[in-house]
Amino acid sequence: MVEVTTDGTLATFEVRGLHKLWAFKSQIQIPLEHIRRVRQDAEALKGWWHGWRAPGTHIPGLITAGTFYEADKRIFWDVHNAENAIIIDVVHDEYNQLIVEVEDPAAVLALLGEK
């Protein structure tokens, strides 16, 4: 699970608990101006293929966590429960997209300003 906070100009995505081990990352910071779209999309999360893992963990039906490459995109995943996952599209940054599970998707969508 990921905790999301902002300080007015920067969004911080803090990976919590054992997810740090599975995702091989503990924190990602992205300027808010680089976030283009934030949404929930259950259809985008379906299927077992999420791209080439490097590094990360993927156990179909259980967890997808870490850095994945798919169709010229670098995507950070940390999802165990897809119902609480949000998708963040990013430009001009280390990742093209973040797909993360959060405790309260509605609150994070409001925090990041549904775009």
C-alpha atoms as a PDB file:
ATOM      1  CA  MET A   1       0.000   0.000   0.000  1.00  0.00           C
ATOM      2  CA  VAL A   2       1.096   3.553  -0.704  1.00  0.00           C
ATOM      3  CA  GLU A   3       0.487   6.695   1.356  1.00  0.00           C
ATOM      4  CA  VAL A   4       0.163   9.890  -0.684  1.00  0.00           C
ATOM      5  CA  THR A   5       0.920  13.386   0.655  1.00  0.00           C
ATOM      6  CA  THR A   6       1.539  16.773  -0.936  1.00  0.00           C
ATOM      7  CA  ASP A   7       3.299  19.925   0.193  1.00  0.00           C
ATOM      8  CA  GLY A   8       1.799  22.287  -2.374  1.00  0.00           C
ATOM      9  CA  THR A   9       4.320  21.657  -5.155  1.00  0.00           C
ATOM     10  CA  LEU A  10       5.408  18.038  -4.674  1.00  0.00           C
ATOM     11  CA  ALA A  11       3.475  14.765  -4.346  1.00  0.00           C
ATOM     12  CA  THR A  12       5.152  12.094  -2.221  1.00  0.00           C
ATOM     13  CA  PHE A  13       4.232   8.438  -2.652  1.00  0.00           C
ATOM     14  CA  GLU A  14       5.473   6.509   0.403  1.00  0.00           C
ATOM     15  CA  VAL A  15       5.485   2.728   0.018  1.00  0.00           C
ATOM     16  CA  ARG A  16       4.452   1.096   3.302  1.00  0.00           C
ATOM     17  CA  GLY A  17       5.303  -2.147   5.092  1.00  0.00           C
ATOM     18  CA  LEU A  18       6.520  -5.234   3.285  1.00  0.00           C
ATOM     19  CA  HIS A  19       5.532  -3.632  -0.005  1.00  0.00           C
ATOM     20  CA  LYS A  20       8.934  -1.882   0.135  1.00  0.00           C
ATOM     21  CA  LEU A  21      10.579  -5.275  -0.275  1.00  0.00           C
ATOM     22  CA  TRP A  22       8.297  -6.390  -3.096  1.00  0.00           C
ATOM     23  CA  ALA A  23       8.490  -3.063  -4.959  1.00  0.00           C
ATOM     24  CA  PHE A  24      12.235  -2.495  -4.414  1.00  0.00           C
ATOM     25  CA  LYS A  25      11.395   1.145  -3.643  1.00  0.00           C
ATOM     26  CA  SER A  26      10.323   3.075  -0.575  1.00  0.00           C
ATOM     27  CA  GLN A  27       9.400   6.517  -1.935  1.00  0.00           C
ATOM     28  CA  ILE A  28       8.677   8.405  -5.142  1.00  0.00           C
ATOM     29  CA  GLN A  29       8.406  12.186  -5.333  1.00  0.00           C
ATOM     30  CA  ILE A  30       6.816  13.912  -8.319  1.00  0.00           C
ATOM     31  CA  PRO A  31       6.177  17.622  -8.887  1.00  0.00           C
ATOM     32  CA  LEU A  32       2.414  18.207  -8.982  1.00  0.00           C
ATOM     33  CA  GLU A  33       2.802  19.995 -12.315  1.00  0.00           C
ATOM     34  CA  HIS A  34       4.030  16.699 -13.846  1.00  0.00           C
ATOM     35  CA  ILE A  35       0.804  14.872 -12.940  1.00  0.00           C
ATOM     36  CA  ARG A  36      -1.514  14.923 -15.953  1.00  0.00           C
ATOM     37  CA  ARG A  37      -4.331  12.594 -14.977  1.00  0.00           C
ATOM     38  CA  VAL A  38      -5.481  10.727 -11.862  1.00  0.00           C
ATOM     39  CA  ARG A  39      -8.208   8.123 -12.043  1.00  0.00           C
ATOM     40  CA  GLN A  40      -9.566   4.748 -11.054  1.00  0.00           C
ATOM     41  CA  ASP A  41      -9.942   2.303 -13.952  1.00  0.00           C
ATOM     42  CA  ALA A  42     -10.726  -1.312 -13.094  1.00  0.00           C
ATOM     43  CA  GLU A  43     -10.475  -2.360 -16.761  1.00  0.00           C
ATOM     44  CA  ALA A  44      -6.863  -1.161 -17.013  1.00  0.00           C
ATOM     45  CA  LEU A  45      -5.890  -3.384 -14.083  1.00  0.00           C
ATOM     46  CA  LYS A  46      -7.329  -6.604 -15.486  1.00  0.00           C
ATOM     47  CA  GLY A  47      -5.204  -9.312 -16.961  1.00  0.00           C
ATOM     48  CA  TRP A  48      -2.049 -11.001 -15.799  1.00  0.00           C
ATOM     49  CA  TRP A  49       0.480  -9.230 -18.065  1.00  0.00           C
ATOM     50  CA  HIS A  50       1.706  -5.888 -16.717  1.00  0.00           C
ATOM     51  CA  GLY A  51       4.922  -5.616 -18.700  1.00  0.00           C
ATOM     52  CA  TRP A  52       8.534  -6.599 -18.234  1.00  0.00           C
ATOM     53  CA  ARG A  53       9.501  -6.524 -14.563  1.00  0.00           C
ATOM     54  CA  ALA A  54      12.783  -4.815 -13.678  1.00  0.00           C
ATOM     55  CA  PRO A  55      13.036  -4.961 -10.632  1.00  0.00           C
ATOM     56  CA  GLY A  56       9.844  -6.004  -8.936  1.00  0.00           C
ATOM     57  CA  THR A  57       7.483  -8.732  -7.873  1.00  0.00           C
ATOM     58  CA  HIS A  58       4.567 -10.196  -9.797  1.00  0.00           C
ATOM     59  CA  ILE A  59       2.431 -13.032  -8.481  1.00  0.00           C
ATOM     60  CA  PRO A  60      -0.713 -13.078 -10.664  1.00  0.00           C
ATOM     61  CA  GLY A  61      -3.857 -12.620  -8.607  1.00  0.00           C
ATOM     62  CA  LEU A  62      -1.885 -11.644  -5.498  1.00  0.00           C
ATOM     63  CA  ILE A  63       0.496  -8.702  -5.983  1.00  0.00           C
ATOM     64  CA  THR A  64       2.172  -6.573  -8.616  1.00  0.00           C
ATOM     65  CA  ALA A  65       4.881  -4.302  -7.223  1.00  0.00           C
ATOM     66  CA  GLY A  66       7.934  -2.571  -8.636  1.00  0.00           C
ATOM     67  CA  THR A  67       9.063  -1.144 -11.958  1.00  0.00           C
ATOM     68  CA  PHE A  68       7.561  -2.558 -15.146  1.00  0.00           C
ATOM     69  CA  TYR A  69       8.149  -1.691 -18.797  1.00  0.00           C
ATOM     70  CA  GLU A  70       5.303  -1.906 -21.291  1.00  0.00           C
ATOM     71  CA  ALA A  71       4.898  -0.316 -24.729  1.00  0.00           C
ATOM     72  CA  ASP A  72       7.667   2.277 -24.239  1.00  0.00           C
ATOM     73  CA  LYS A  73       6.325   3.219 -20.800  1.00  0.00           C
ATOM     74  CA  ARG A  74       8.031   2.904 -17.453  1.00  0.00           C
ATOM     75  CA  ILE A  75       5.331   2.114 -14.887  1.00  0.00           C
ATOM     76  CA  PHE A  76       5.567   1.825 -11.109  1.00  0.00           C
ATOM     77  CA  TRP A  77       3.109  -0.698  -9.653  1.00  0.00           C
ATOM     78  CA  ASP A  78       2.176  -1.429  -6.048  1.00  0.00           C
ATOM     79  CA  VAL A  79      -1.185  -3.205  -6.060  1.00  0.00           C
ATOM     80  CA  HIS A  80      -2.503  -6.038  -3.933  1.00  0.00           C
ATOM     81  CA  ASN A  81      -6.195  -5.039  -3.800  1.00  0.00           C
ATOM     82  CA  ALA A  82      -7.215  -3.641  -7.198  1.00  0.00           C
ATOM     83  CA  GLU A  83     -10.419  -2.109  -5.773  1.00  0.00           C
ATOM     84  CA  ASN A  84      -8.281   0.518  -3.987  1.00  0.00           C
ATOM     85  CA  ALA A  85      -5.901   1.173  -6.891  1.00  0.00           C
ATOM     86  CA  ILE A  86      -5.512   4.498  -8.642  1.00  0.00           C
ATOM     87  CA  ILE A  87      -3.678   5.325 -11.862  1.00  0.00           C
ATOM     88  CA  ILE A  88      -1.548   8.458 -12.096  1.00  0.00           C
ATOM     89  CA  ASP A  89      -0.317   9.560 -15.538  1.00  0.00           C
ATOM     90  CA  VAL A  90       2.939  11.500 -15.346  1.00  0.00           C
ATOM     91  CA  VAL A  91       5.038  13.516 -17.832  1.00  0.00           C
ATOM     92  CA  HIS A  92       8.677  14.657 -17.702  1.00  0.00           C
ATOM     93  CA  ASP A  93       9.610  12.323 -14.855  1.00  0.00           C
ATOM     94  CA  GLU A  94      11.250   9.015 -13.974  1.00  0.00           C
ATOM     95  CA  TYR A  95       7.973   7.122 -14.521  1.00  0.00           C
ATOM     96  CA  ASN A  96       5.270   7.555 -17.155  1.00  0.00           C
ATOM     97  CA  GLN A  97       2.629   6.122 -14.866  1.00  0.00           C
ATOM     98  CA  LEU A  98       2.075   5.067 -11.255  1.00  0.00           C
ATOM     99  CA  ILE A  99      -0.494   2.380 -10.476  1.00  0.00           C
ATOM    100  CA  VAL A 100      -0.767   2.149  -6.714  1.00  0.00           C
ATOM    101  CA  GLU A 101      -3.095   0.854  -4.036  1.00  0.00           C
ATOM    102  CA  VAL A 102      -4.117   3.456  -1.460  1.00  0.00           C
ATOM    103  CA  GLU A 103      -6.253   3.263   1.668  1.00  0.00           C
ATOM    104  CA  ASP A 104      -8.855   5.803   0.490  1.00  0.00           C
ATOM    105  CA  PRO A 105      -8.928   6.243  -3.312  1.00  0.00           C
ATOM    106  CA  ALA A 106     -11.532   9.047  -3.205  1.00  0.00           C
ATOM    107  CA  ALA A 107      -9.392  11.098  -0.805  1.00  0.00           C
ATOM    108  CA  VAL A 108      -6.268  10.669  -2.945  1.00  0.00           C
ATOM    109  CA  LEU A 109      -8.182  11.562  -6.121  1.00  0.00           C
ATOM    110  CA  ALA A 110      -9.350  14.759  -4.377  1.00  0.00           C
ATOM    111  CA  LEU A 111      -5.856  15.484  -3.017  1.00  0.00           C
ATOM    112  CA  LEU A 112      -4.207  15.184  -6.419  1.00  0.00           C
ATOM    113  CA  GLY A 113      -7.079  16.982  -8.110  1.00  0.00           C
ATOM    114  CA  GLU A 114      -8.821  14.523 -10.425  1.00  0.00           C
ATOM    115  CA  LYS A 115      -7.533  15.530 -13.830  1.00  0.00           C
END
